[in-house]
PDB file of N, CA and C in Angstrom:
ATOM      1  N   UNK A   1       0.741  -1.096   0.000  1.00  0.00           N
ATOM      2  CA  UNK A   1      -0.155   0.120   0.095  1.00  0.00           C
ATOM      3  C   UNK A   1       0.912   1.140   0.061  1.00  0.00           C
ATOM      4  N   UNK A   2       0.703   2.115  -1.164  1.00  0.00           N
ATOM      5  CA  UNK A   2       1.550   3.520  -1.109  1.00  0.00           C
ATOM      6  C   UNK A   2       1.146   4.520   0.000  1.00  0.00           C
ATOM      7  N   UNK A   3       1.882   5.266  -0.250  1.00  0.00           N
ATOM      8  CA  UNK A   3       1.729   6.438   1.091  1.00  0.00           C
ATOM      9  C   UNK A   3       0.313   7.178   0.544  1.00  0.00           C
ATOM     10  N   UNK A   4      -0.244   7.497  -0.730  1.00  0.00           N
ATOM     11  CA  UNK A   4      -1.308   8.111  -1.512  1.00  0.00           C
ATOM     12  C   UNK A   4      -2.417   7.673  -1.727  1.00  0.00           C
ATOM     13  N   UNK A   5      -2.057   6.248  -1.752  1.00  0.00           N
ATOM     14  CA  UNK A   5      -3.340   5.355  -2.065  1.00  0.00           C
ATOM     15  C   UNK A   5      -4.761   5.973  -1.432  1.00  0.00           C
ATOM     16  N   UNK A   6      -5.296   5.952  -2.333  1.00  0.00           N
ATOM     17  CA  UNK A   6      -6.935   6.693  -2.119  1.00  0.00           C
ATOM     18  C   UNK A   6      -7.114   7.820  -1.743  1.00  0.00           C
ATOM     19  N   UNK A   7      -6.062   8.735  -1.926  1.00  0.00           N
ATOM     20  CA  UNK A   7      -6.152  10.271  -2.012  1.00  0.00           C
ATOM     21  C   UNK A   7      -6.250  10.824  -3.527  1.00  0.00           C
ATOM     22  N   UNK A   8      -6.336  12.165  -3.443  1.00  0.00           N
ATOM     23  CA  UNK A   8      -6.450  13.068  -4.475  1.00  0.00           C
ATOM     24  C   UNK A   8      -4.972  13.029  -5.299  1.00  0.00           C
ATOM     25  N   UNK A   9      -3.682  12.633  -4.590  1.00  0.00           N
ATOM     26  CA  UNK A   9      -2.667  12.849  -5.146  1.00  0.00           C
ATOM     27  C   UNK A   9      -1.918  11.572  -5.708  1.00  0.00           C
ATOM     28  N   UNK A  10      -2.557  10.534  -5.447  1.00  0.00           N
ATOM     29  CA  UNK A  10      -2.633   9.193  -6.444  1.00  0.00           C
ATOM     30  C   UNK A  10      -2.520   9.237  -7.559  1.00  0.00           C
ATOM     31  N   UNK A  11      -1.314   8.967  -8.354  1.00  0.00           N
ATOM     32  CA  UNK A  11      -1.103   8.886  -9.909  1.00  0.00           C
ATOM     33  C   UNK A  11      -0.626   7.222 -10.167  1.00  0.00           C
ATOM     34  N   UNK A  12      -1.418   6.846 -11.158  1.00  0.00           N
ATOM     35  CA  UNK A  12      -0.904   5.745 -11.770  1.00  0.00           C
ATOM     36  C   UNK A  12       0.941   5.955 -12.334  1.00  0.00           C
ATOM     37  N   UNK A  13       1.310   4.996 -12.227  1.00  0.00           N
ATOM     38  CA  UNK A  13       2.855   4.792 -12.576  1.00  0.00           C
ATOM     39  C   UNK A  13       2.693   4.358 -13.901  1.00  0.00           C
ATOM     40  N   UNK A  14       3.343   5.255 -14.927  1.00  0.00           N
ATOM     41  CA  UNK A  14       3.195   5.156 -16.431  1.00  0.00           C
ATOM     42  C   UNK A  14       4.514   5.206 -17.125  1.00  0.00           C
ATOM     43  N   UNK A  15       4.193   3.756 -17.878  1.00  0.00           N
ATOM     44  CA  UNK A  15       5.449   3.391 -18.928  1.00  0.00           C
ATOM     45  C   UNK A  15       6.221   4.673 -19.232  1.00  0.00           C
ATOM     46  N   UNK A  16       7.356   4.602 -19.548  1.00  0.00           N
ATOM     47  CA  UNK A  16       8.079   5.982 -20.282  1.00  0.00           C
ATOM     48  C   UNK A  16       7.787   5.830 -21.813  1.00  0.00           C
ATOM     49  N   UNK A  17       7.923   4.881 -22.460  1.00  0.00           N
ATOM     50  CA  UNK A  17       7.967   4.388 -23.849  1.00  0.00           C
ATOM     51  C   UNK A  17       6.352   4.213 -24.608  1.00  0.00           C
ATOM     52  N   UNK A  18       5.209   3.736 -23.869  1.00  0.00           N
ATOM     53  CA  UNK A  18       4.294   3.444 -24.486  1.00  0.00           C
ATOM     54  C   UNK A  18       2.925   4.481 -23.931  1.00  0.00           C
ATOM     55  N   UNK A  19       3.303   5.118 -22.521  1.00  0.00           N
ATOM     56  CA  UNK A  19       2.406   5.704 -21.679  1.00  0.00           C
ATOM     57  C   UNK A  19       1.029   5.250 -21.139  1.00  0.00           C
ATOM     58  N   UNK A  20       1.311   3.890 -20.995  1.00  0.00           N
ATOM     59  CA  UNK A  20       0.232   2.963 -20.351  1.00  0.00           C
ATOM     60  C   UNK A  20       0.932   2.765 -19.101  1.00  0.00           C
ATOM     61  N   UNK A  21      -0.373   2.514 -17.927  1.00  0.00           N
ATOM     62  CA  UNK A  21      -0.540   2.236 -17.218  1.00  0.00           C
ATOM     63  C   UNK A  21       0.399   0.763 -16.887  1.00  0.00           C
ATOM     64  N   UNK A  22       1.535   1.009 -16.078  1.00  0.00           N
ATOM     65  CA  UNK A  22       2.629  -0.377 -15.815  1.00  0.00           C
ATOM     66  C   UNK A  22       1.939  -1.876 -15.685  1.00  0.00           C
ATOM     67  N   UNK A  23       1.037  -1.522 -15.081  1.00  0.00           N
ATOM     68  CA  UNK A  23       0.430  -2.919 -15.157  1.00  0.00           C
ATOM     69  C   UNK A  23      -0.280  -3.227 -16.315  1.00  0.00           C
ATOM     70  N   UNK A  24      -0.532  -2.207 -17.437  1.00  0.00           N
ATOM     71  CA  UNK A  24      -0.905  -3.068 -18.740  1.00  0.00           C
ATOM     72  C   UNK A  24      -0.203  -2.983 -19.642  1.00  0.00           C
ATOM     73  N   UNK A  25       0.883  -2.326 -19.197  1.00  0.00           N
ATOM     74  CA  UNK A  25       2.210  -2.127 -20.161  1.00  0.00           C
ATOM     75  C   UNK A  25       2.810  -3.414 -21.225  1.00  0.00           C
ATOM     76  N   UNK A  26       2.521  -3.479 -22.289  1.00  0.00           N
ATOM     77  CA  UNK A  26       3.202  -4.491 -23.126  1.00  0.00           C
ATOM     78  C   UNK A  26       4.384  -4.465 -23.510  1.00  0.00           C
ATOM     79  N   UNK A  27       5.175  -2.927 -23.524  1.00  0.00           N
ATOM     80  CA  UNK A  27       6.501  -3.188 -24.135  1.00  0.00           C
ATOM     81  C   UNK A  27       8.010  -4.272 -23.672  1.00  0.00           C
ATOM     82  N   UNK A  28       8.176  -4.534 -24.420  1.00  0.00           N
ATOM     83  CA  UNK A  28       9.576  -5.210 -24.183  1.00  0.00           C
ATOM     84  C   UNK A  28      10.573  -4.749 -22.828  1.00  0.00           C
ATOM     85  N   UNK A  29      11.196  -5.451 -21.682  1.00  0.00           N
ATOM     86  CA  UNK A  29      11.807  -5.009 -20.738  1.00  0.00           C
ATOM     87  C   UNK A  29      12.865  -4.492 -21.195  1.00  0.00           C
ATOM     88  N   UNK A  30      13.579  -3.064 -21.017  1.00  0.00           N
ATOM     89  CA  UNK A  30      14.875  -2.584 -21.695  1.00  0.00           C
ATOM     90  C   UNK A  30      16.089  -3.186 -21.452  1.00  0.00           C
ATOM     91  N   UNK A  31      16.709  -3.691 -22.461  1.00  0.00           N
ATOM     92  CA  UNK A  31      18.237  -4.047 -22.584  1.00  0.00           C
ATOM     93  C   UNK A  31      19.353  -3.252 -22.126  1.00  0.00           C
ATOM     94  N   UNK A  32      20.504  -3.755 -21.905  1.00  0.00           N
ATOM     95  CA  UNK A  32      21.746  -3.167 -22.055  1.00  0.00           C
ATOM     96  C   UNK A  32      22.163  -2.792 -23.469  1.00  0.00           C
ATOM     97  N   UNK A  33      22.846  -1.656 -23.964  1.00  0.00           N
ATOM     98  CA  UNK A  33      23.520  -1.853 -25.285  1.00  0.00           C
ATOM     99  C   UNK A  33      24.726  -2.727 -25.063  1.00  0.00           C
ATOM    100  N   UNK A  34      25.072  -2.809 -26.005  1.00  0.00           N
ATOM    101  CA  UNK A  34      26.367  -4.047 -26.353  1.00  0.00           C
ATOM    102  C   UNK A  34      27.436  -2.979 -26.335  1.00  0.00           C
ATOM    103  N   UNK A  35      28.306  -3.054 -25.319  1.00  0.00           N
ATOM    104  CA  UNK A  35      29.858  -2.172 -25.671  1.00  0.00           C
ATOM    105  C   UNK A  35      30.713  -2.705 -26.510  1.00  0.00           C
ATOM    106  N   UNK A  36      31.247  -2.185 -27.571  1.00  0.00           N
ATOM    107  CA  UNK A  36      32.316  -2.704 -29.019  1.00  0.00           C
ATOM    108  C   UNK A  36      33.307  -3.400 -27.620  1.00  0.00           C
ATOM    109  N   UNK A  37      33.723  -4.408 -28.616  1.00  0.00           N
ATOM    110  CA  UNK A  37      34.701  -5.253 -27.820  1.00  0.00           C
ATOM    111  C   UNK A  37      35.914  -4.305 -27.454  1.00  0.00           C
ATOM    112  N   UNK A  38      36.145  -3.069 -28.909  1.00  0.00           N
ATOM    113  CA  UNK A  38      37.701  -2.512 -28.881  1.00  0.00           C
ATOM    114  C   UNK A  38      37.519  -1.259 -27.769  1.00  0.00           C
ATOM    115  N   UNK A  39      36.452  -0.801 -27.189  1.00  0.00           N
ATOM    116  CA  UNK A  39      36.043   0.285 -26.374  1.00  0.00           C
ATOM    117  C   UNK A  39      36.423  -0.759 -24.842  1.00  0.00           C
ATOM    118  N   UNK A  40      36.638  -2.056 -24.681  1.00  0.00           N
ATOM    119  CA  UNK A  40      36.746  -2.392 -23.107  1.00  0.00           C
ATOM    120  C   UNK A  40      38.060  -3.180 -22.913  1.00  0.00           C
ATOM    121  N   UNK A  41      38.790  -2.355 -21.651  1.00  0.00           N
ATOM    122  CA  UNK A  41      39.887  -3.366 -21.606  1.00  0.00           C
ATOM    123  C   UNK A  41      39.788  -4.228 -20.517  1.00  0.00           C
ATOM    124  N   UNK A  42      40.172  -5.253 -20.954  1.00  0.00           N
ATOM    125  CA  UNK A  42      39.887  -6.233 -19.758  1.00  0.00           C
ATOM    126  C   UNK A  42      41.714  -6.689 -19.250  1.00  0.00           C
ATOM    127  N   UNK A  43      41.161  -7.485 -17.859  1.00  0.00           N
ATOM    128  CA  UNK A  43      42.666  -7.829 -16.890  1.00  0.00           C
ATOM    129  C   UNK A  43      42.289  -9.393 -16.946  1.00  0.00           C
ATOM    130  N   UNK A  44      43.360 -10.068 -17.171  1.00  0.00           N
ATOM    131  CA  UNK A  44      43.678 -11.091 -16.834  1.00  0.00           C
ATOM    132  C   UNK A  44      44.551 -11.836 -15.804  1.00  0.00           C
ATOM    133  N   UNK A  45      43.834 -12.746 -15.224  1.00  0.00           N
ATOM    134  CA  UNK A  45      44.793 -13.189 -14.002  1.00  0.00           C
ATOM    135  C   UNK A  45      44.481 -14.443 -13.462  1.00  0.00           C
ATOM    136  N   UNK A  46      45.436 -15.302 -13.200  1.00  0.00           N
ATOM    137  CA  UNK A  46      45.060 -16.865 -12.343  1.00  0.00           C
ATOM    138  C   UNK A  46      45.002 -16.376 -10.758  1.00  0.00           C
ATOM    139  N   UNK A  47      44.170 -17.459 -10.558  1.00  0.00           N
ATOM    140  CA  UNK A  47      43.882 -17.181  -8.842  1.00  0.00           C
ATOM    141  C   UNK A  47      44.069 -18.831  -8.212  1.00  0.00           C
ATOM    142  N   UNK A  48      44.666 -18.703  -7.147  1.00  0.00           N
ATOM    143  CA  UNK A  48      44.856 -20.192  -6.575  1.00  0.00           C
ATOM    144  C   UNK A  48      43.951 -20.262  -5.620  1.00  0.00           C
ATOM    145  N   UNK A  49      43.110 -21.114  -5.563  1.00  0.00           N
ATOM    146  CA  UNK A  49      41.749 -21.308  -4.971  1.00  0.00           C
ATOM    147  C   UNK A  49      42.077 -22.424  -3.640  1.00  0.00           C
ATOM    148  N   UNK A  50      41.315 -23.045  -2.572  1.00  0.00           N
ATOM    149  CA  UNK A  50      41.237 -23.771  -1.801  1.00  0.00           C
ATOM    150  C   UNK A  50      41.605 -25.108  -2.319  1.00  0.00           C
ATOM    151  N   UNK A  51      42.258 -26.007  -1.786  1.00  0.00           N
ATOM    152  CA  UNK A  51      42.354 -27.384  -2.012  1.00  0.00           C
ATOM    153  C   UNK A  51      43.506 -27.631  -3.601  1.00  0.00           C
ATOM    154  N   UNK A  52      44.244 -26.366  -3.833  1.00  0.00           N
ATOM    155  CA  UNK A  52      44.915 -26.130  -4.889  1.00  0.00           C
ATOM    156  C   UNK A  52      44.281 -26.003  -6.398  1.00  0.00           C
ATOM    157  N   UNK A  53      43.090 -25.959  -6.190  1.00  0.00           N
ATOM    158  CA  UNK A  53      42.650 -25.358  -7.514  1.00  0.00           C
ATOM    159  C   UNK A  53      42.848 -24.168  -8.113  1.00  0.00           C
ATOM    160  N   UNK A  54      43.075 -24.249  -9.337  1.00  0.00           N
ATOM    161  CA  UNK A  54      43.669 -22.891 -10.176  1.00  0.00           C
ATOM    162  C   UNK A  54      42.581 -22.390 -11.057  1.00  0.00           C
ATOM    163  N   UNK A  55      42.056 -21.212 -11.116  1.00  0.00           N
ATOM    164  CA  UNK A  55      41.244 -20.640 -11.635  1.00  0.00           C
ATOM    165  C   UNK A  55      41.621 -19.205 -13.002  1.00  0.00           C
ATOM    166  N   UNK A  56      41.649 -18.976 -14.060  1.00  0.00           N
ATOM    167  CA  UNK A  56      42.117 -18.011 -14.587  1.00  0.00           C
ATOM    168  C   UNK A  56      40.602 -16.862 -14.379  1.00  0.00           C
ATOM    169  N   UNK A  57      41.146 -15.865 -14.256  1.00  0.00           N
ATOM    170  CA  UNK A  57      39.583 -14.676 -13.846  1.00  0.00           C
ATOM    171  C   UNK A  57      40.100 -13.370 -15.002  1.00  0.00           C
ATOM    172  N   UNK A  58      38.906 -13.288 -15.964  1.00  0.00           N
ATOM    173  CA  UNK A  58      39.205 -12.090 -16.471  1.00  0.00           C
ATOM    174  C   UNK A  58      37.899 -11.255 -16.160  1.00  0.00           C
ATOM    175  N   UNK A  59      38.442  -9.989 -15.682  1.00  0.00           N
ATOM    176  CA  UNK A  59      37.626  -8.961 -15.183  1.00  0.00           C
ATOM    177  C   UNK A  59      37.684  -7.720 -16.058  1.00  0.00           C
ATOM    178  N   UNK A  60      36.890  -6.705 -15.827  1.00  0.00           N
ATOM    179  CA  UNK A  60      36.736  -5.252 -16.450  1.00  0.00           C
ATOM    180  C   UNK A  60      35.851  -5.250 -17.562  1.00  0.00           C
ATOM    181  N   UNK A  61      34.625  -6.077 -17.658  1.00  0.00           N
ATOM    182  CA  UNK A  61      33.735  -6.076 -18.678  1.00  0.00           C
ATOM    183  C   UNK A  61      32.773  -4.828 -18.361  1.00  0.00           C
ATOM    184  N   UNK A  62      32.269  -4.045 -19.448  1.00  0.00           N
ATOM    185  CA  UNK A  62      31.496  -3.138 -19.406  1.00  0.00           C
ATOM    186  C   UNK A  62      30.231  -3.175 -20.477  1.00  0.00           C
ATOM    187  N   UNK A  63      29.510  -4.669 -19.944  1.00  0.00           N
ATOM    188  CA  UNK A  63      28.649  -4.817 -21.307  1.00  0.00           C
ATOM    189  C   UNK A  63      27.562  -5.525 -20.495  1.00  0.00           C
ATOM    190  N   UNK A  64      26.685  -6.291 -21.422  1.00  0.00           N
ATOM    191  CA  UNK A  64      25.596  -6.899 -21.368  1.00  0.00           C
ATOM    192  C   UNK A  64      26.130  -8.223 -20.802  1.00  0.00           C
ATOM    193  N   UNK A  65      25.223  -8.775 -19.922  1.00  0.00           N
ATOM    194  CA  UNK A  65      25.417 -10.396 -19.433  1.00  0.00           C
ATOM    195  C   UNK A  65      25.140 -11.365 -20.632  1.00  0.00           C
ATOM    196  N   UNK A  66      24.444 -10.846 -21.632  1.00  0.00           N
ATOM    197  CA  UNK A  66      24.781 -11.802 -22.623  1.00  0.00           C
ATOM    198  C   UNK A  66      25.981 -12.120 -23.601  1.00  0.00           C
ATOM    199  N   UNK A  67      26.511 -10.925 -23.820  1.00  0.00           N
ATOM    200  CA  UNK A  67      27.785 -10.530 -24.537  1.00  0.00           C
ATOM    201  C   UNK A  67      28.488 -11.245 -23.896  1.00  0.00           C
ATOM    202  N   UNK A  68      28.552 -11.151 -22.171  1.00  0.00           N
ATOM    203  CA  UNK A  68      29.760 -11.871 -21.454  1.00  0.00           C
ATOM    204  C   UNK A  68      29.832 -13.512 -21.690  1.00  0.00           C
ATOM    205  N   UNK A  69      28.231 -13.797 -21.772  1.00  0.00           N
ATOM    206  CA  UNK A  69      28.260 -15.217 -21.783  1.00  0.00           C
ATOM    207  C   UNK A  69      28.457 -15.412 -23.325  1.00  0.00           C
ATOM    208  N   UNK A  70      28.441 -14.727 -24.517  1.00  0.00           N
ATOM    209  CA  UNK A  70      28.954 -15.154 -25.595  1.00  0.00           C
ATOM    210  C   UNK A  70      30.291 -15.401 -25.526  1.00  0.00           C
ATOM    211  N   UNK A  71      31.232 -14.640 -24.536  1.00  0.00           N
ATOM    212  CA  UNK A  71      32.574 -14.346 -24.512  1.00  0.00           C
ATOM    213  C   UNK A  71      32.988 -15.822 -23.722  1.00  0.00           C
ATOM    214  N   UNK A  72      32.174 -15.928 -22.346  1.00  0.00           N
ATOM    215  CA  UNK A  72      32.792 -16.828 -22.105  1.00  0.00           C
ATOM    216  C   UNK A  72      32.416 -18.553 -22.841  1.00  0.00           C
ATOM    217  N   UNK A  73      31.511 -18.412 -23.851  1.00  0.00           N
ATOM    218  CA  UNK A  73      31.268 -19.746 -24.545  1.00  0.00           C
ATOM    219  C   UNK A  73      32.803 -19.766 -25.426  1.00  0.00           C
ATOM    220  N   UNK A  74      33.321 -18.740 -25.922  1.00  0.00           N
ATOM    221  CA  UNK A  74      34.038 -18.820 -27.037  1.00  0.00           C
ATOM    222  C   UNK A  74      35.874 -19.270 -26.171  1.00  0.00           C
ATOM    223  N   UNK A  75      35.543 -18.481 -24.960  1.00  0.00           N
ATOM    224  CA  UNK A  75      36.567 -19.045 -24.152  1.00  0.00           C
ATOM    225  C   UNK A  75      36.807 -20.542 -23.656  1.00  0.00           C
ATOM    226  N   UNK A  76      35.621 -20.816 -23.224  1.00  0.00           N
ATOM    227  CA  UNK A  76      35.600 -22.161 -22.865  1.00  0.00           C
ATOM    228  C   UNK A  76      36.092 -23.016 -23.966  1.00  0.00           C
ATOM    229  N   UNK A  77      35.511 -22.768 -25.286  1.00  0.00           N
ATOM    230  CA  UNK A  77      35.494 -23.630 -26.087  1.00  0.00           C
ATOM    231  C   UNK A  77      37.138 -23.533 -26.659  1.00  0.00           C
ATOM    232  N   UNK A  78      38.037 -22.522 -26.688  1.00  0.00           N
ATOM    233  CA  UNK A  78      38.955 -22.516 -27.113  1.00  0.00           C
ATOM    234  C   UNK A  78      40.041 -23.285 -25.932  1.00  0.00           C
ATOM    235  N   UNK A  79      39.638 -22.608 -24.839  1.00  0.00           N
ATOM    236  CA  UNK A  79      40.684 -23.608 -24.031  1.00  0.00           C
ATOM    237  C   UNK A  79      40.586 -25.129 -23.313  1.00  0.00           C
ATOM    238  N   UNK A  80      39.279 -25.163 -23.867  1.00  0.00           N
ATOM    239  CA  UNK A  80      38.647 -26.863 -23.394  1.00  0.00           C
ATOM    240  C   UNK A  80      38.579 -27.388 -21.992  1.00  0.00           C
ATOM    241  N   UNK A  81      37.964 -25.790 -21.399  1.00  0.00           N
ATOM    242  CA  UNK A  81      37.672 -26.147 -19.820  1.00  0.00           C
ATOM    243  C   UNK A  81      36.519 -25.615 -19.481  1.00  0.00           C
ATOM    244  N   UNK A  82      36.129 -25.970 -18.372  1.00  0.00           N
ATOM    245  CA  UNK A  82      34.931 -25.494 -17.651  1.00  0.00           C
ATOM    246  C   UNK A  82      35.128 -23.782 -17.108  1.00  0.00           C
ATOM    247  N   UNK A  83      33.960 -22.983 -17.347  1.00  0.00           N
ATOM    248  CA  UNK A  83      33.797 -21.854 -16.187  1.00  0.00           C
ATOM    249  C   UNK A  83      32.696 -21.279 -16.198  1.00  0.00           C
ATOM    250  N   UNK A  84      32.419 -20.270 -15.351  1.00  0.00           N
ATOM    251  CA  UNK A  84      31.456 -19.747 -14.957  1.00  0.00           C
ATOM    252  C   UNK A  84      31.429 -18.073 -14.983  1.00  0.00           C
ATOM    253  N   UNK A  85      30.164 -17.316 -14.981  1.00  0.00           N
ATOM    254  CA  UNK A  85      30.193 -16.085 -14.892  1.00  0.00           C
ATOM    255  C   UNK A  85      29.913 -15.945 -13.702  1.00  0.00           C
ATOM    256  N   UNK A  86      30.582 -15.154 -12.944  1.00  0.00           N
ATOM    257  CA  UNK A  86      30.586 -14.692 -11.750  1.00  0.00           C
ATOM    258  C   UNK A  86      30.353 -12.758 -11.480  1.00  0.00           C
ATOM    259  N   UNK A  87      29.304 -12.623 -11.094  1.00  0.00           N
ATOM    260  CA  UNK A  87      28.857 -11.005 -11.436  1.00  0.00           C
ATOM    261  C   UNK A  87      29.365 -10.851 -12.580  1.00  0.00           C
ATOM    262  N   UNK A  88      30.727  -9.976 -12.791  1.00  0.00           N
ATOM    263  CA  UNK A  88      30.907  -9.209 -13.729  1.00  0.00           C
ATOM    264  C   UNK A  88      32.439  -9.725 -14.210  1.00  0.00           C
ATOM    265  N   UNK A  89      32.942 -10.790 -13.627  1.00  0.00           N
ATOM    266  CA  UNK A  89      33.979 -11.325 -13.994  1.00  0.00           C
ATOM    267  C   UNK A  89      33.759 -12.912 -14.496  1.00  0.00           C
ATOM    268  N   UNK A  90      34.368 -13.293 -15.792  1.00  0.00           N
ATOM    269  CA  UNK A  90      34.685 -14.373 -15.933  1.00  0.00           C
ATOM    270  C   UNK A  90      35.678 -15.414 -15.470  1.00  0.00           C
ATOM    271  N   UNK A  91      35.482 -16.702 -15.308  1.00  0.00           N
ATOM    272  CA  UNK A  91      36.285 -17.881 -14.210  1.00  0.00           C
ATOM    273  C   UNK A  91      36.193 -18.881 -15.354  1.00  0.00           C
ATOM    274  N   UNK A  92      37.518 -19.325 -15.731  1.00  0.00           N
ATOM    275  CA  UNK A  92      37.929 -20.485 -16.331  1.00  0.00           C
ATOM    276  C   UNK A  92      38.755 -21.179 -15.567  1.00  0.00           C
ATOM    277  N   UNK A  93      38.182 -22.581 -15.579  1.00  0.00           N
ATOM    278  CA  UNK A  93      39.225 -23.759 -14.810  1.00  0.00           C
ATOM    279  C   UNK A  93      40.473 -24.010 -15.244  1.00  0.00           C
ATOM    280  N   UNK A  94      41.394 -23.809 -14.670  1.00  0.00           N
ATOM    281  CA  UNK A  94      43.258 -23.751 -14.944  1.00  0.00           C
ATOM    282  C   UNK A  94      43.510 -22.800 -14.989  1.00  0.00           C
ATOM    283  N   UNK A  95      44.927 -22.893 -15.324  1.00  0.00           N
ATOM    284  CA  UNK A  95      46.034 -21.456 -15.494  1.00  0.00           C
ATOM    285  C   UNK A  95      46.159 -21.720 -16.966  1.00  0.00           C
ATOM    286  N   UNK A  96      45.294 -20.883 -17.751  1.00  0.00           N
ATOM    287  CA  UNK A  96      44.843 -20.664 -19.349  1.00  0.00           C
ATOM    288  C   UNK A  96      45.381 -19.094 -19.703  1.00  0.00           C
ATOM    289  N   UNK A  97      46.132 -18.358 -18.904  1.00  0.00           N
ATOM    290  CA  UNK A  97      46.502 -17.072 -18.775  1.00  0.00           C
ATOM    291  C   UNK A  97      46.636 -16.705 -20.418  1.00  0.00           C
ATOM    292  N   UNK A  98      47.758 -17.111 -21.125  1.00  0.00           N
ATOM    293  CA  UNK A  98      48.424 -16.975 -22.655  1.00  0.00           C
ATOM    294  C   UNK A  98      47.413 -17.194 -23.543  1.00  0.00           C
ATOM    295  N   UNK A  99      46.817 -18.383 -23.420  1.00  0.00           N
ATOM    296  CA  UNK A  99      45.871 -18.815 -24.189  1.00  0.00           C
ATOM    297  C   UNK A  99      44.433 -18.079 -24.633  1.00  0.00           C
ATOM    298  N   UNK A 100      44.148 -17.260 -23.305  1.00  0.00           N
ATOM    299  CA  UNK A 100      42.806 -16.295 -23.128  1.00  0.00           C
ATOM    300  C   UNK A 100      43.090 -15.500 -23.394  1.00  0.00           C
ATOM    301  N   UNK A 101      44.447 -14.819 -23.535  1.00  0.00           N
ATOM    302  CA  UNK A 101      44.976 -13.563 -24.035  1.00  0.00           C
ATOM    303  C   UNK A 101      44.991 -13.204 -25.303  1.00  0.00           C
ATOM    304  N   UNK A 102      45.664 -14.257 -25.934  1.00  0.00           N
ATOM    305  CA  UNK A 102      45.414 -14.733 -27.246  1.00  0.00           C
ATOM    306  C   UNK A 102      43.823 -14.462 -28.060  1.00  0.00           C
ATOM    307  N   UNK A 103      43.119 -15.097 -27.230  1.00  0.00           N
ATOM    308  CA  UNK A 103      41.760 -15.819 -27.812  1.00  0.00           C
ATOM    309  C   UNK A 103      40.911 -14.220 -27.591  1.00  0.00           C
ATOM    310  N   UNK A 104      41.214 -13.515 -26.515  1.00  0.00           N
ATOM    311  CA  UNK A 104      40.750 -12.147 -26.160  1.00  0.00           C
ATOM    312  C   UNK A 104      40.830 -11.311 -27.525  1.00  0.00           C
ATOM    313  N   UNK A 105      42.398 -11.382 -27.393  1.00  0.00           N
ATOM    314  CA  UNK A 105      42.904 -10.400 -28.727  1.00  0.00           C
ATOM    315  C   UNK A 105      42.396 -10.737 -29.835  1.00  0.00           C
ATOM    316  N   UNK A 106      42.049 -12.303 -30.621  1.00  0.00           N
ATOM    317  CA  UNK A 106      41.193 -11.961 -31.433  1.00  0.00           C
ATOM    318  C   UNK A 106      39.853 -11.713 -31.663  1.00  0.00           C
ATOM    319  N   UNK A 107      39.303 -12.014 -30.480  1.00  0.00           N
ATOM    320  CA  UNK A 107      38.000 -11.060 -30.555  1.00  0.00           C
ATOM    321  C   UNK A 107      37.778  -9.682 -30.509  1.00  0.00           C
ATOM    322  N   UNK A 108      38.846  -8.924 -30.490  1.00  0.00           N
ATOM    323  CA  UNK A 108      38.660  -7.309 -30.540  1.00  0.00           C
ATOM    324  C   UNK A 108      38.682  -6.746 -29.509  1.00  0.00           C
ATOM    325  N   UNK A 109      39.038  -7.556 -28.150  1.00  0.00           N
ATOM    326  CA  UNK A 109      39.233  -6.768 -26.879  1.00  0.00           C
ATOM    327  C   UNK A 109      40.937  -6.216 -26.804  1.00  0.00           C
ATOM    328  N   UNK A 110      40.830  -5.056 -25.779  1.00  0.00           N
ATOM    329  CA  UNK A 110      41.810  -4.719 -25.131  1.00  0.00           C
ATOM    330  C   UNK A 110      41.976  -5.228 -24.133  1.00  0.00           C
ATOM    331  N   UNK A 111      43.838  -5.260 -23.838  1.00  0.00           N
ATOM    332  CA  UNK A 111      44.113  -6.065 -22.835  1.00  0.00           C
ATOM    333  C   UNK A 111      44.862  -5.428 -21.943  1.00  0.00           C
ATOM    334  N   UNK A 112      44.768  -5.223 -20.507  1.00  0.00           N
ATOM    335  CA  UNK A 112      45.318  -4.372 -19.700  1.00  0.00           C
ATOM    336  C   UNK A 112      46.723  -5.049 -19.490  1.00  0.00           C
ATOM    337  N   UNK A 113      47.861  -4.401 -19.462  1.00  0.00           N
ATOM    338  CA  UNK A 113      49.324  -5.109 -19.400  1.00  0.00           C
ATOM    339  C   UNK A 113      49.861  -5.229 -17.993  1.00  0.00           C
TER     340      UNK A 113
END
C-alpha cells in the first residue's frame, strides 16, 4: 500500500515508452546496449583457490550479461575447460592466461598490461 493510495494525489505509474499504466504495459523490458569489444579493457589473471585449484579470471567487462556469456562460451571452447560467469567476471578452470589473452585479442578486446 502506497503513501498516497486512495487520495487525490494518487497517480498511476506510467510506462516511459508507450504511456500506458505499468500494469497494462506490453513493452519488452529494456536491455543494456552492447559495448563494442574495442572499447573494453580487460584484465586477465590466475588465482589459486583452496585445495590447490587454479582459476583464470577475466575482469573489467562493461557490457551486457548476454555479451559476457558469448565471450565465456568462446573462451571455454578455445581452452577446452569449464568456466562460469561470476558477477562481472569470467572464471575459467585452470591456468590458461596466455591462451585466453590470445583469444581475447582475436575477438577484438583490449588487454591491460
